[in-house]
């Protein structure tokens, strides 16, 4: 039995199929566009509404209290004792550091005052309470 196709007539395909690569790229782009705004804020906090002015974020820390009264320093969970030590260390390094306090609007007032007391004991002179400017 003889072979019907010749090996010398085969042609190499040197093209790359771009359709699947473009589909994958578009899918990844959509995924990042949808998820990035949710990741950007970090800890979910419903801020109280209020009129504010903008602050320059030259050298700042963010202290966050969520609705469960969990304490975070720059998106990392922390205890009150560790927060007090961290604040004293940061003030020793830079006395002009600004601390931004983000607290959930449903949180008890005493919890926020406790954080403010820790800031006062660390001798922080620049602080701001972050609010939602509303619509």
Protein backbone atom coordinates (compact mmCIF):
# COMPACT_ATOMS: atom_id res chain seq x y z
CA UNK A 1 0.00 0.00 0.00
CA UNK A 2 1.41 3.31 -1.03
CA UNK A 3 1.27 6.49 0.93
CA UNK A 4 -1.10 9.09 -0.53
CA UNK A 5 0.39 12.24 1.04
CA UNK A 6 3.84 13.47 0.49
CA UNK A 7 6.00 14.67 3.37
CA UNK A 8 7.64 17.34 1.26
CA UNK A 9 4.41 19.24 0.60
CA UNK A 10 3.57 19.97 4.24
CA UNK A 11 3.32 23.63 5.10
CA UNK A 12 4.26 25.10 8.48
CA UNK A 13 1.74 27.41 10.14
CA UNK A 14 3.72 30.34 11.43
CA UNK A 15 0.71 32.45 12.48
CA UNK A 16 -0.40 32.86 16.06
CA UNK A 17 -4.11 32.69 16.76
CA UNK A 18 -4.76 36.01 18.54
CA UNK A 19 -8.46 35.48 19.22
CA UNK A 20 -8.01 33.39 22.36
CA UNK A 21 -5.29 35.70 23.67
CA UNK A 22 -7.48 38.75 23.13
CA UNK A 23 -10.42 37.05 24.88
CA UNK A 24 -8.26 36.20 27.87
CA UNK A 25 -6.85 39.73 28.05
CA UNK A 26 -10.32 41.25 27.88
CA UNK A 27 -11.58 38.89 30.60
CA UNK A 28 -8.68 39.81 32.90
CA UNK A 29 -9.23 43.50 32.27
CA UNK A 30 -12.91 43.22 33.20
CA UNK A 31 -12.07 41.23 36.32
CA UNK A 32 -9.63 43.88 37.55
CA UNK A 33 -12.00 46.72 36.70
CA UNK A 34 -14.76 45.13 38.77
CA UNK A 35 -12.68 44.04 41.78
CA UNK A 36 -10.23 46.95 42.17
CA UNK A 37 -12.69 49.50 43.63
CA UNK A 38 -13.67 46.99 46.31
CA UNK A 39 -10.07 46.25 47.23
CA UNK A 40 -8.97 49.89 47.25
CA UNK A 41 -10.74 50.85 50.47
CA UNK A 42 -9.46 47.90 52.46
CA UNK A 43 -11.63 47.62 55.56
CA UNK A 44 -15.36 48.09 55.09
CA UNK A 45 -16.51 51.02 57.22
CA UNK A 46 -19.69 53.06 56.91
CA UNK A 47 -18.38 56.55 57.59
CA UNK A 48 -20.60 59.22 59.13
CA UNK A 49 -21.75 61.95 56.76
CA UNK A 50 -20.31 65.43 57.08
CA UNK A 51 -18.80 68.32 55.18
CA UNK A 52 -15.02 68.12 55.08
CA UNK A 53 -11.96 69.65 53.51
CA UNK A 54 -9.19 67.71 51.85
CA UNK A 55 -5.96 66.85 53.63
CA UNK A 56 -2.53 66.44 52.17
CA UNK A 57 -1.31 62.89 52.74
CA UNK A 58 2.37 63.65 53.15
CA UNK A 59 3.11 61.29 56.02
CA UNK A 60 0.04 59.76 57.59
CA UNK A 61 -1.28 56.73 59.40
CA UNK A 62 -4.83 55.39 59.21
CA UNK A 63 -6.55 53.98 62.28
CA UNK A 64 -9.80 52.18 61.47
CA UNK A 65 -12.57 50.96 63.76
CA UNK A 66 -15.13 48.77 62.00
CA UNK A 67 -18.70 48.03 63.11
CA UNK A 68 -17.50 45.15 65.33
CA UNK A 69 -15.10 47.53 67.17
CA UNK A 70 -12.09 45.76 65.65
CA UNK A 71 -9.03 48.00 65.53
CA UNK A 72 -6.77 48.30 62.45
CA UNK A 73 -3.60 50.28 61.81
CA UNK A 74 -3.05 50.80 58.06
CA UNK A 75 -5.30 47.80 57.19
CA UNK A 76 -3.56 45.44 59.65
CA UNK A 77 -5.43 44.21 62.73
CA UNK A 78 -3.89 45.45 65.98
CA UNK A 79 -4.62 45.50 69.70
CA UNK A 80 -4.93 48.68 71.78
CA UNK A 81 -1.61 48.04 73.56
CA UNK A 82 0.22 47.43 70.29
CA UNK A 83 -1.44 50.54 68.80
CA UNK A 84 -0.23 52.68 71.70
CA UNK A 85 3.33 51.41 71.24
CA UNK A 86 3.20 51.86 67.45
CA UNK A 87 1.92 55.44 67.80
CA UNK A 88 4.68 56.34 70.25
CA UNK A 89 7.29 54.87 67.90
CA UNK A 90 5.90 56.76 64.89
CA UNK A 91 5.80 60.06 66.80
CA UNK A 92 9.39 59.54 67.93
CA UNK A 93 10.41 59.06 64.28
CA UNK A 94 8.32 61.95 62.94
CA UNK A 95 6.61 64.42 65.35
CA UNK A 96 4.60 65.95 62.46
CA UNK A 97 2.86 62.71 61.47
CA UNK A 98 -0.85 62.96 60.69
CA UNK A 99 -3.23 60.28 61.97
CA UNK A 100 -6.50 59.69 60.12
CA UNK A 101 -9.24 58.07 62.21
CA UNK A 102 -11.91 56.12 60.30
CA UNK A 103 -14.74 54.82 62.48
CA UNK A 104 -18.03 53.17 61.56
CA UNK A 105 -21.03 55.43 62.18
CA UNK A 106 -22.85 52.71 64.18
CA UNK A 107 -19.97 52.35 66.63
CA UNK A 108 -20.35 53.51 70.23
CA UNK A 109 -18.81 56.92 70.92
CA UNK A 110 -16.68 55.53 73.77
CA UNK A 111 -14.71 53.29 71.41
CA UNK A 112 -13.66 56.29 69.31
CA UNK A 113 -12.80 58.31 72.40
CA UNK A 114 -10.59 55.44 73.59
CA UNK A 115 -8.58 55.64 70.36
CA UNK A 116 -8.36 59.42 70.70
CA UNK A 117 -7.05 58.94 74.26
CA UNK A 118 -4.30 56.63 72.95
CA UNK A 119 -3.37 59.28 70.39
CA UNK A 120 -3.27 61.97 73.09
CA UNK A 121 -1.00 59.82 75.27
CA UNK A 122 1.33 59.34 72.29
CA UNK A 123 1.42 63.17 71.93
CA UNK A 124 0.06 63.22 68.39
CA UNK A 125 -0.59 66.83 67.41
CA UNK A 126 -2.02 66.34 63.92
CA UNK A 127 -5.14 64.21 63.50
CA UNK A 128 -8.31 64.11 61.43
CA UNK A 129 -11.57 62.21 61.66
CA UNK A 130 -12.53 60.90 58.23
CA UNK A 131 -16.15 61.40 57.12
CA UNK A 132 -18.17 60.71 54.00
CA UNK A 133 -18.94 63.94 52.13
CA UNK A 134 -22.32 62.56 51.06
CA UNK A 135 -24.09 63.30 47.81
